[in-house]
Amino acid sequence: MKLLNLLLILAVCLFFSTAHSAETISEKAQATKDDIKRDANKAVNRVEESTCTGTDAECAKQKISNRAEEAKDAIKDKSSEIKNNLD
């Protein structure tokens, strides 16, 4: 009975391990390009935030807006990477 359970667990694990496929070269290049673009955008945002000459409220608003945009871009890029891994 233990052997049967072990074989069943092994079969299920092997079945689910085949759902993962490798990214193609163009998909990897796209992911790298997205990472570089996101890092550059983040650096530009940090410079803009450090040189903000408005009131504290305006600077905080700009900072929050930049963080929200960065999070949105990161989620979009990661979701497309996951989709490419599963395709």
C-alpha atoms as a PDB file:
ATOM      1  CA  MET A   1       0.000   0.000   0.000  1.00  0.00           C
ATOM      2  CA  LYS A   2       2.850   2.389   0.826  1.00  0.00           C
ATOM      3  CA  LEU A   3       4.485   1.581  -2.498  1.00  0.00           C
ATOM      4  CA  LEU A   4       1.246   2.323  -4.334  1.00  0.00           C
ATOM      5  CA  ASN A   5       0.916   5.694  -2.557  1.00  0.00           C
ATOM      6  CA  LEU A   6       4.524   6.533  -3.357  1.00  0.00           C
ATOM      7  CA  LEU A   7       4.022   5.692  -7.036  1.00  0.00           C
ATOM      8  CA  LEU A   8       0.844   7.765  -7.143  1.00  0.00           C
ATOM      9  CA  ILE A   9       2.591  10.775  -5.624  1.00  0.00           C
ATOM     10  CA  LEU A  10       5.495  10.349  -8.049  1.00  0.00           C
ATOM     11  CA  ALA A  11       3.124  10.188 -11.030  1.00  0.00           C
ATOM     12  CA  VAL A  12       1.287  13.334  -9.937  1.00  0.00           C
ATOM     13  CA  CYS A  13       4.579  15.214  -9.453  1.00  0.00           C
ATOM     14  CA  LEU A  14       5.836  14.165 -12.875  1.00  0.00           C
ATOM     15  CA  PHE A  15       2.552  15.197 -14.465  1.00  0.00           C
ATOM     16  CA  PHE A  16       2.714  18.715 -13.019  1.00  0.00           C
ATOM     17  CA  SER A  17       6.412  19.150 -13.751  1.00  0.00           C
ATOM     18  CA  THR A  18       5.760  18.975 -17.500  1.00  0.00           C
ATOM     19  CA  ALA A  19       3.605  22.125 -17.366  1.00  0.00           C
ATOM     20  CA  HIS A  20       6.759  24.263 -17.213  1.00  0.00           C
ATOM     21  CA  SER A  21       8.497  25.110 -20.455  1.00  0.00           C
ATOM     22  CA  ALA A  22      11.541  27.203 -21.183  1.00  0.00           C
ATOM     23  CA  GLU A  23      11.439  30.738 -22.488  1.00  0.00           C
ATOM     24  CA  THR A  24      12.544  31.292 -26.057  1.00  0.00           C
ATOM     25  CA  ILE A  25      15.508  33.523 -26.799  1.00  0.00           C
ATOM     26  CA  SER A  26      13.282  36.364 -27.977  1.00  0.00           C
ATOM     27  CA  GLU A  27      11.186  36.116 -24.802  1.00  0.00           C
ATOM     28  CA  LYS A  28      14.338  36.243 -22.659  1.00  0.00           C
ATOM     29  CA  ALA A  29      15.546  39.266 -24.624  1.00  0.00           C
ATOM     30  CA  GLN A  30      12.184  40.956 -24.105  1.00  0.00           C
ATOM     31  CA  ALA A  31      12.324  40.253 -20.363  1.00  0.00           C
ATOM     32  CA  THR A  32      15.857  41.671 -20.173  1.00  0.00           C
ATOM     33  CA  LYS A  33      14.807  44.747 -22.148  1.00  0.00           C
ATOM     34  CA  ASP A  34      11.836  45.258 -19.809  1.00  0.00           C
ATOM     35  CA  ASP A  35      14.098  44.962 -16.746  1.00  0.00           C
ATOM     36  CA  ILE A  36      16.548  47.530 -18.127  1.00  0.00           C
ATOM     37  CA  LYS A  37      13.728  49.890 -19.061  1.00  0.00           C
ATOM     38  CA  ARG A  38      12.150  49.532 -15.607  1.00  0.00           C
ATOM     39  CA  ASP A  39      15.496  50.171 -13.863  1.00  0.00           C
ATOM     40  CA  ALA A  40      16.157  53.259 -15.993  1.00  0.00           C
ATOM     41  CA  ASN A  41      12.673  54.597 -15.293  1.00  0.00           C
ATOM     42  CA  LYS A  42      13.205  53.996 -11.580  1.00  0.00           C
ATOM     43  CA  ALA A  43      16.522  55.892 -11.646  1.00  0.00           C
ATOM     44  CA  VAL A  44      14.942  58.844 -13.470  1.00  0.00           C
ATOM     45  CA  ASN A  45      12.105  58.916 -10.938  1.00  0.00           C
ATOM     46  CA  ARG A  46      14.554  58.945  -8.019  1.00  0.00           C
ATOM     47  CA  VAL A  47      16.471  61.876  -9.530  1.00  0.00           C
ATOM     48  CA  GLU A  48      13.243  63.803 -10.117  1.00  0.00           C
ATOM     49  CA  GLU A  49      12.138  63.102  -6.543  1.00  0.00           C
ATOM     50  CA  SER A  50      15.443  64.207  -5.052  1.00  0.00           C
ATOM     51  CA  THR A  51      15.368  67.469  -7.009  1.00  0.00           C
ATOM     52  CA  CYS A  52      11.725  68.239  -6.227  1.00  0.00           C
ATOM     53  CA  THR A  53      11.379  71.942  -5.387  1.00  0.00           C
ATOM     54  CA  GLY A  54       7.672  72.018  -4.621  1.00  0.00           C
ATOM     55  CA  THR A  55       5.976  71.764  -1.281  1.00  0.00           C
ATOM     56  CA  ASP A  56       6.296  68.619   0.798  1.00  0.00           C
ATOM     57  CA  ALA A  57       2.784  67.584  -0.212  1.00  0.00           C
ATOM     58  CA  GLU A  58       3.542  67.991  -3.927  1.00  0.00           C
ATOM     59  CA  CYS A  59       6.775  66.034  -3.602  1.00  0.00           C
ATOM     60  CA  ALA A  60       5.004  63.259  -1.684  1.00  0.00           C
ATOM     61  CA  LYS A  61       2.276  63.148  -4.331  1.00  0.00           C
ATOM     62  CA  GLN A  62       4.900  62.824  -7.073  1.00  0.00           C
ATOM     63  CA  LYS A  63       6.710  60.104  -5.120  1.00  0.00           C
ATOM     64  CA  ILE A  64       3.501  58.106  -4.606  1.00  0.00           C
ATOM     65  CA  SER A  65       2.619  58.472  -8.270  1.00  0.00           C
ATOM     66  CA  ASN A  66       6.067  57.259  -9.321  1.00  0.00           C
ATOM     67  CA  ARG A  67       5.918  54.237  -7.001  1.00  0.00           C
ATOM     68  CA  ALA A  68       2.454  53.300  -8.275  1.00  0.00           C
ATOM     69  CA  GLU A  69       3.612  53.516 -11.891  1.00  0.00           C
ATOM     70  CA  GLU A  70       6.714  51.442 -11.115  1.00  0.00           C
ATOM     71  CA  ALA A  71       4.611  48.777  -9.392  1.00  0.00           C
ATOM     72  CA  LYS A  72       2.178  48.673 -12.321  1.00  0.00           C
ATOM     73  CA  ASP A  73       5.037  48.234 -14.800  1.00  0.00           C
ATOM     74  CA  ALA A  74       6.673  45.533 -12.696  1.00  0.00           C
ATOM     75  CA  ILE A  75       3.419  43.571 -12.378  1.00  0.00           C
ATOM     76  CA  LYS A  76       2.748  43.855 -16.113  1.00  0.00           C
ATOM     77  CA  ASP A  77       6.267  42.676 -17.003  1.00  0.00           C
ATOM     78  CA  LYS A  78       6.284  39.797 -14.520  1.00  0.00           C
ATOM     79  CA  SER A  79       2.864  38.591 -15.650  1.00  0.00           C
ATOM     80  CA  SER A  80       4.041  38.477 -19.267  1.00  0.00           C
ATOM     81  CA  GLU A  81       7.181  36.595 -18.160  1.00  0.00           C
ATOM     82  CA  ILE A  82       5.043  34.028 -16.335  1.00  0.00           C
ATOM     83  CA  LYS A  83       2.793  33.703 -19.381  1.00  0.00           C
ATOM     84  CA  ASN A  84       5.851  33.124 -21.577  1.00  0.00           C
ATOM     85  CA  ASN A  85       7.140  30.463 -19.188  1.00  0.00           C
ATOM     86  CA  LEU A  86       3.861  28.587 -19.363  1.00  0.00           C
ATOM     87  CA  ASP A  87       3.461  28.843 -23.150  1.00  0.00           C
END
